[in-house]
């Protein structure tokens, strides 16, 4: 098995692992890059869930209500959540 530098996006530090025939069989990333990609993955999952919930709501398949509607119903004494 051999490691060769990846020629990907600037700033992405990765090395491909290859077999004896030169076929790529794996990749090695710096831990910071791996953690950054995991964070992006988590954010994308949140976006997918939000999009799904909104589509279900628009089709009338969900009883979820928007934060703005809740806020208006309970009044201005409640502060908006942080974040």
C-alpha atoms as a PDB file:
ATOM      1  CA  UNK A   1       0.000   0.000   0.000  1.00  0.00           C
ATOM      2  CA  UNK A   2       1.272   3.442  -0.959  1.00  0.00           C
ATOM      3  CA  UNK A   3       0.164   6.981  -0.053  1.00  0.00           C
ATOM      4  CA  UNK A   4       0.072   9.701  -2.694  1.00  0.00           C
ATOM      5  CA  UNK A   5      -0.857  13.367  -2.221  1.00  0.00           C
ATOM      6  CA  UNK A   6      -4.357  14.342  -3.290  1.00  0.00           C
ATOM      7  CA  UNK A   7      -4.751  16.998  -5.939  1.00  0.00           C
ATOM      8  CA  UNK A   8      -8.095  18.340  -4.748  1.00  0.00           C
ATOM      9  CA  UNK A   9      -9.351  21.716  -3.589  1.00  0.00           C
ATOM     10  CA  UNK A  10      -6.786  24.207  -2.275  1.00  0.00           C
ATOM     11  CA  UNK A  11      -6.393  23.824   1.480  1.00  0.00           C
ATOM     12  CA  UNK A  12      -7.561  20.214   1.561  1.00  0.00           C
ATOM     13  CA  UNK A  13      -4.730  18.137   2.939  1.00  0.00           C
ATOM     14  CA  UNK A  14      -5.408  14.550   1.914  1.00  0.00           C
ATOM     15  CA  UNK A  15      -3.397  11.551   0.804  1.00  0.00           C
ATOM     16  CA  UNK A  16      -4.799   8.636  -1.135  1.00  0.00           C
ATOM     17  CA  UNK A  17      -3.921   5.094  -0.195  1.00  0.00           C
ATOM     18  CA  UNK A  18      -3.348   2.903  -3.220  1.00  0.00           C
ATOM     19  CA  UNK A  19      -2.968  -0.820  -3.725  1.00  0.00           C
ATOM     20  CA  UNK A  20      -0.112  -2.486  -5.609  1.00  0.00           C
ATOM     21  CA  UNK A  21      -1.863  -1.697  -8.918  1.00  0.00           C
ATOM     22  CA  UNK A  22      -2.218   2.007  -8.144  1.00  0.00           C
ATOM     23  CA  UNK A  23      -5.974   1.768  -7.504  1.00  0.00           C
ATOM     24  CA  UNK A  24      -7.159   4.185  -4.824  1.00  0.00           C
ATOM     25  CA  UNK A  25      -8.474   2.264  -1.832  1.00  0.00           C
ATOM     26  CA  UNK A  26      -8.562   4.893   0.903  1.00  0.00           C
ATOM     27  CA  UNK A  27      -7.771   8.428   1.960  1.00  0.00           C
ATOM     28  CA  UNK A  28      -5.924   9.977   4.904  1.00  0.00           C
ATOM     29  CA  UNK A  29      -7.072  13.395   6.158  1.00  0.00           C
ATOM     30  CA  UNK A  30      -5.736  15.715   8.819  1.00  0.00           C
ATOM     31  CA  UNK A  31      -7.942  15.510  11.912  1.00  0.00           C
ATOM     32  CA  UNK A  32      -8.954  19.168  11.517  1.00  0.00           C
ATOM     33  CA  UNK A  33     -10.158  18.517   7.960  1.00  0.00           C
ATOM     34  CA  UNK A  34     -12.007  15.376   9.070  1.00  0.00           C
ATOM     35  CA  UNK A  35     -13.754  17.283  11.876  1.00  0.00           C
ATOM     36  CA  UNK A  36     -14.640  20.131   9.485  1.00  0.00           C
ATOM     37  CA  UNK A  37     -16.218  17.649   7.079  1.00  0.00           C
ATOM     38  CA  UNK A  38     -18.175  16.015   9.923  1.00  0.00           C
ATOM     39  CA  UNK A  39     -19.513  19.425  10.968  1.00  0.00           C
ATOM     40  CA  UNK A  40     -20.612  20.088   7.384  1.00  0.00           C
ATOM     41  CA  UNK A  41     -22.271  16.666   7.322  1.00  0.00           C
ATOM     42  CA  UNK A  42     -24.193  17.489  10.524  1.00  0.00           C
ATOM     43  CA  UNK A  43     -25.271  20.857   9.131  1.00  0.00           C
ATOM     44  CA  UNK A  44     -26.442  19.256   5.878  1.00  0.00           C
ATOM     45  CA  UNK A  45     -28.501  16.716   7.834  1.00  0.00           C
ATOM     46  CA  UNK A  46     -30.150  19.559   9.752  1.00  0.00           C
ATOM     47  CA  UNK A  47     -30.974  21.281   6.455  1.00  0.00           C
ATOM     48  CA  UNK A  48     -32.424  18.060   5.003  1.00  0.00           C
ATOM     49  CA  UNK A  49     -34.600  17.571   8.092  1.00  0.00           C
ATOM     50  CA  UNK A  50     -35.793  21.170   7.946  1.00  0.00           C
ATOM     51  CA  UNK A  51     -36.601  20.902   4.244  1.00  0.00           C
ATOM     52  CA  UNK A  52     -38.497  17.658   4.832  1.00  0.00           C
ATOM     53  CA  UNK A  53     -40.480  19.173   7.725  1.00  0.00           C
ATOM     54  CA  UNK A  54     -41.365  22.242   5.657  1.00  0.00           C
ATOM     55  CA  UNK A  55     -42.471  20.087   2.706  1.00  0.00           C
ATOM     56  CA  UNK A  56     -44.631  17.952   5.032  1.00  0.00           C
ATOM     57  CA  UNK A  57     -46.128  21.099   6.547  1.00  0.00           C
ATOM     58  CA  UNK A  58     -46.928  22.559   3.116  1.00  0.00           C
ATOM     59  CA  UNK A  59     -48.653  19.299   2.117  1.00  0.00           C
ATOM     60  CA  UNK A  60     -50.629  19.308   5.366  1.00  0.00           C
ATOM     61  CA  UNK A  61     -48.894  16.154   6.594  1.00  0.00           C
ATOM     62  CA  UNK A  62     -47.456  17.745   9.735  1.00  0.00           C
ATOM     63  CA  UNK A  63     -48.884  19.474  12.765  1.00  0.00           C
ATOM     64  CA  UNK A  64     -45.656  21.427  13.330  1.00  0.00           C
ATOM     65  CA  UNK A  65     -46.007  25.181  13.633  1.00  0.00           C
ATOM     66  CA  UNK A  66     -43.519  27.951  12.924  1.00  0.00           C
ATOM     67  CA  UNK A  67     -41.655  29.708  15.739  1.00  0.00           C
ATOM     68  CA  UNK A  68     -43.134  33.037  14.639  1.00  0.00           C
ATOM     69  CA  UNK A  69     -46.655  31.644  15.109  1.00  0.00           C
ATOM     70  CA  UNK A  70     -45.796  30.354  18.591  1.00  0.00           C
ATOM     71  CA  UNK A  71     -44.240  33.686  19.530  1.00  0.00           C
ATOM     72  CA  UNK A  72     -47.293  35.601  18.329  1.00  0.00           C
ATOM     73  CA  UNK A  73     -49.647  33.282  20.212  1.00  0.00           C
ATOM     74  CA  UNK A  74     -47.858  33.474  23.575  1.00  0.00           C
ATOM     75  CA  UNK A  75     -47.081  37.178  23.351  1.00  0.00           C
ATOM     76  CA  UNK A  76     -44.022  39.371  23.515  1.00  0.00           C
ATOM     77  CA  UNK A  77     -43.085  38.499  27.140  1.00  0.00           C
ATOM     78  CA  UNK A  78     -41.211  35.467  25.797  1.00  0.00           C
ATOM     79  CA  UNK A  79     -37.773  36.131  24.345  1.00  0.00           C
ATOM     80  CA  UNK A  80     -36.585  34.511  21.123  1.00  0.00           C
ATOM     81  CA  UNK A  81     -34.214  31.558  21.555  1.00  0.00           C
ATOM     82  CA  UNK A  82     -30.485  32.183  21.273  1.00  0.00           C
ATOM     83  CA  UNK A  83     -28.643  30.886  18.231  1.00  0.00           C
END
